[in-house]
Amino acid sequence: MNDFNFSEFIAMGGYAKYVWSSWALTIIAMASLVVSAIRKRKILYRQYHQQTQQSAARKQRLARQQSKS
């Protein structure tokens, strides 16, 4: 009733090297996309944070200059 053979499944009827290599390439590509997105997010977050700090510093300088005038 249960004719499932795991070694035959892994062999994929003789096409295992094509099937498993395509699975591996797909997993590598997906993982690289995730890593790339995470890195890009970190870079963008740092840039945003730096720009907001610079903007706040400019506003403080302008406020000081205006109060002195």
N, C-alpha and C. Protein backbone atom coordinates (compact mmCIF):
# COMPACT_ATOMS: atom_id res chain seq x y z
N MET A 1 0.81 -1.19 0.00
CA MET A 1 0.00 0.00 0.00
C MET A 1 0.87 1.26 0.00
N ASN A 2 1.94 1.24 0.78
CA ASN A 2 2.83 2.38 0.84
C ASN A 2 4.11 2.04 0.09
N ASP A 3 4.19 2.45 -1.18
CA ASP A 3 5.34 2.12 -2.03
C ASP A 3 6.35 3.26 -2.10
N PHE A 4 6.32 4.15 -1.16
CA PHE A 4 7.22 5.29 -1.18
C PHE A 4 8.63 4.85 -0.82
N ASN A 5 9.58 5.16 -1.69
CA ASN A 5 10.98 4.85 -1.46
C ASN A 5 11.76 6.17 -1.48
N PHE A 6 12.32 6.51 -0.34
CA PHE A 6 12.98 7.80 -0.20
C PHE A 6 14.19 7.94 -1.12
N SER A 7 14.97 6.89 -1.28
CA SER A 7 16.15 6.97 -2.14
C SER A 7 15.76 7.17 -3.60
N GLU A 8 14.65 6.62 -4.02
CA GLU A 8 14.16 6.86 -5.39
C GLU A 8 13.69 8.30 -5.53
N PHE A 9 13.08 8.81 -4.47
CA PHE A 9 12.64 10.21 -4.49
C PHE A 9 13.85 11.13 -4.64
N ILE A 10 14.90 10.89 -3.87
CA ILE A 10 16.10 11.72 -3.94
C ILE A 10 16.76 11.60 -5.32
N ALA A 11 16.73 10.41 -5.90
CA ALA A 11 17.34 10.20 -7.22
C ALA A 11 16.54 10.87 -8.33
N MET A 12 15.27 11.12 -8.11
CA MET A 12 14.39 11.81 -9.07
C MET A 12 14.39 11.15 -10.45
N GLY A 13 14.44 9.86 -10.45
CA GLY A 13 14.36 9.13 -11.71
C GLY A 13 15.53 9.40 -12.63
N GLY A 14 16.69 9.66 -12.06
CA GLY A 14 17.88 9.92 -12.86
C GLY A 14 18.12 11.40 -13.16
N TYR A 15 17.20 12.26 -12.76
CA TYR A 15 17.33 13.69 -13.02
C TYR A 15 17.71 14.47 -11.76
N ALA A 16 18.22 13.79 -10.77
CA ALA A 16 18.51 14.42 -9.48
C ALA A 16 19.48 15.58 -9.60
N LYS A 17 20.54 15.42 -10.39
CA LYS A 17 21.53 16.51 -10.47
C LYS A 17 20.91 17.77 -11.05
N TYR A 18 19.95 17.66 -11.92
CA TYR A 18 19.30 18.84 -12.49
C TYR A 18 18.28 19.43 -11.52
N VAL A 19 17.50 18.56 -10.92
CA VAL A 19 16.45 19.01 -10.00
C VAL A 19 17.05 19.67 -8.77
N TRP A 20 17.98 18.97 -8.11
CA TRP A 20 18.53 19.49 -6.86
C TRP A 20 19.44 20.69 -7.09
N SER A 21 20.13 20.73 -8.22
CA SER A 21 20.95 21.92 -8.49
C SER A 21 20.07 23.13 -8.76
N SER A 22 18.95 22.94 -9.42
CA SER A 22 18.04 24.08 -9.64
C SER A 22 17.42 24.53 -8.32
N TRP A 23 17.10 23.58 -7.44
CA TRP A 23 16.61 23.96 -6.11
C TRP A 23 17.67 24.75 -5.36
N ALA A 24 18.91 24.29 -5.40
CA ALA A 24 19.99 24.97 -4.70
C ALA A 24 20.21 26.38 -5.25
N LEU A 25 20.22 26.53 -6.57
CA LEU A 25 20.39 27.85 -7.16
C LEU A 25 19.24 28.78 -6.79
N THR A 26 18.04 28.26 -6.74
CA THR A 26 16.89 29.07 -6.36
C THR A 26 17.00 29.54 -4.92
N ILE A 27 17.39 28.63 -4.04
CA ILE A 27 17.54 28.99 -2.63
C ILE A 27 18.65 30.02 -2.45
N ILE A 28 19.75 29.85 -3.17
CA ILE A 28 20.86 30.81 -3.08
C ILE A 28 20.41 32.19 -3.59
N ALA A 29 19.68 32.20 -4.70
CA ALA A 29 19.20 33.47 -5.25
C ALA A 29 18.24 34.16 -4.29
N MET A 30 17.33 33.40 -3.71
CA MET A 30 16.36 33.98 -2.77
C MET A 30 17.07 34.51 -1.53
N ALA A 31 18.03 33.76 -1.02
CA ALA A 31 18.77 34.19 0.17
C ALA A 31 19.57 35.45 -0.13
N SER A 32 20.17 35.52 -1.31
CA SER A 32 20.95 36.72 -1.65
C SER A 32 20.05 37.94 -1.79
N LEU A 33 18.83 37.75 -2.27
CA LEU A 33 17.89 38.87 -2.34
C LEU A 33 17.51 39.37 -0.95
N VAL A 34 17.30 38.46 -0.04
CA VAL A 34 16.96 38.83 1.34
C VAL A 34 18.12 39.58 1.98
N VAL A 35 19.32 39.05 1.84
CA VAL A 35 20.51 39.69 2.42
C VAL A 35 20.71 41.08 1.80
N SER A 36 20.56 41.17 0.51
CA SER A 36 20.72 42.45 -0.18
C SER A 36 19.69 43.47 0.31
N ALA A 37 18.46 43.05 0.47
CA ALA A 37 17.42 43.96 0.95
C ALA A 37 17.69 44.43 2.37
N ILE A 38 18.16 43.54 3.21
CA ILE A 38 18.48 43.91 4.60
C ILE A 38 19.63 44.91 4.63
N ARG A 39 20.65 44.67 3.84
CA ARG A 39 21.80 45.60 3.79
C ARG A 39 21.35 46.97 3.28
N LYS A 40 20.56 46.97 2.23
CA LYS A 40 20.09 48.23 1.66
C LYS A 40 19.24 49.00 2.66
N ARG A 41 18.41 48.29 3.41
CA ARG A 41 17.57 48.92 4.43
C ARG A 41 18.43 49.58 5.49
N LYS A 42 19.49 48.90 5.93
CA LYS A 42 20.39 49.46 6.94
C LYS A 42 21.06 50.73 6.42
N ILE A 43 21.51 50.69 5.18
CA ILE A 43 22.17 51.85 4.58
C ILE A 43 21.20 53.03 4.49
N LEU A 44 20.00 52.77 4.00
CA LEU A 44 19.01 53.82 3.88
C LEU A 44 18.61 54.39 5.24
N TYR A 45 18.50 53.52 6.24
CA TYR A 45 18.16 53.98 7.58
C TYR A 45 19.25 54.89 8.13
N ARG A 46 20.51 54.52 7.95
CA ARG A 46 21.62 55.36 8.41
C ARG A 46 21.62 56.71 7.70
N GLN A 47 21.40 56.69 6.38
CA GLN A 47 21.37 57.95 5.63
C GLN A 47 20.24 58.84 6.11
N TYR A 48 19.07 58.26 6.32
CA TYR A 48 17.92 59.02 6.79
C TYR A 48 18.20 59.61 8.16
N HIS A 49 18.78 58.81 9.04
CA HIS A 49 19.07 59.26 10.39
C HIS A 49 20.10 60.40 10.37
N GLN A 50 21.11 60.29 9.53
CA GLN A 50 22.12 61.35 9.41
C GLN A 50 21.50 62.63 8.87
N GLN A 51 20.63 62.50 7.87
CA GLN A 51 20.01 63.68 7.29
C GLN A 51 19.09 64.37 8.29
N THR A 52 18.35 63.61 9.07
CA THR A 52 17.47 64.23 10.05
C THR A 52 18.28 64.91 11.16
N GLN A 53 19.40 64.33 11.54
CA GLN A 53 20.26 64.97 12.54
C GLN A 53 20.86 66.26 11.99
N GLN A 54 21.30 66.23 10.74
CA GLN A 54 21.87 67.42 10.12
C GLN A 54 20.81 68.51 9.99
N SER A 55 19.61 68.10 9.62
CA SER A 55 18.52 69.06 9.49
C SER A 55 18.19 69.70 10.84
N ALA A 56 18.15 68.91 11.88
CA ALA A 56 17.88 69.44 13.21
C ALA A 56 18.98 70.39 13.65
N ALA A 57 20.22 70.07 13.35
CA ALA A 57 21.34 70.94 13.71
C ALA A 57 21.25 72.26 12.95
N ARG A 58 20.88 72.21 11.67
CA ARG A 58 20.71 73.45 10.89
C ARG A 58 19.61 74.32 11.47
N LYS A 59 18.51 73.70 11.85
CA LYS A 59 17.40 74.46 12.43
C LYS A 59 17.82 75.11 13.74
N GLN A 60 18.60 74.42 14.55
CA GLN A 60 19.08 75.01 15.79
C GLN A 60 20.01 76.19 15.53
N ARG A 61 20.91 76.06 14.55
CA ARG A 61 21.81 77.16 14.21
C ARG A 61 21.03 78.38 13.71
N LEU A 62 20.04 78.12 12.85
CA LEU A 62 19.23 79.23 12.35
C LEU A 62 18.46 79.90 13.48
N ALA A 63 17.94 79.10 14.39
CA ALA A 63 17.20 79.68 15.51
C ALA A 63 18.10 80.54 16.38
N ARG A 64 19.32 80.10 16.61
CA ARG A 64 20.28 80.88 17.40
C ARG A 64 20.65 82.18 16.68
N GLN A 65 20.86 82.07 15.38
CA GLN A 65 21.22 83.27 14.60
C GLN A 65 20.07 84.28 14.61
N GLN A 66 18.85 83.79 14.50
CA GLN A 66 17.69 84.68 14.48
C GLN A 66 17.47 85.31 15.86
N SER A 67 17.74 84.56 16.91
CA SER A 67 17.54 85.12 18.25
C SER A 67 18.62 86.16 18.57
N LYS A 68 19.80 86.04 17.99
CA LYS A 68 20.87 87.01 18.20
C LYS A 68 20.61 88.30 17.42
N SER A 69 19.89 88.18 16.33
CA SER A 69 19.63 89.35 15.47
C SER A 69 18.58 90.26 16.01
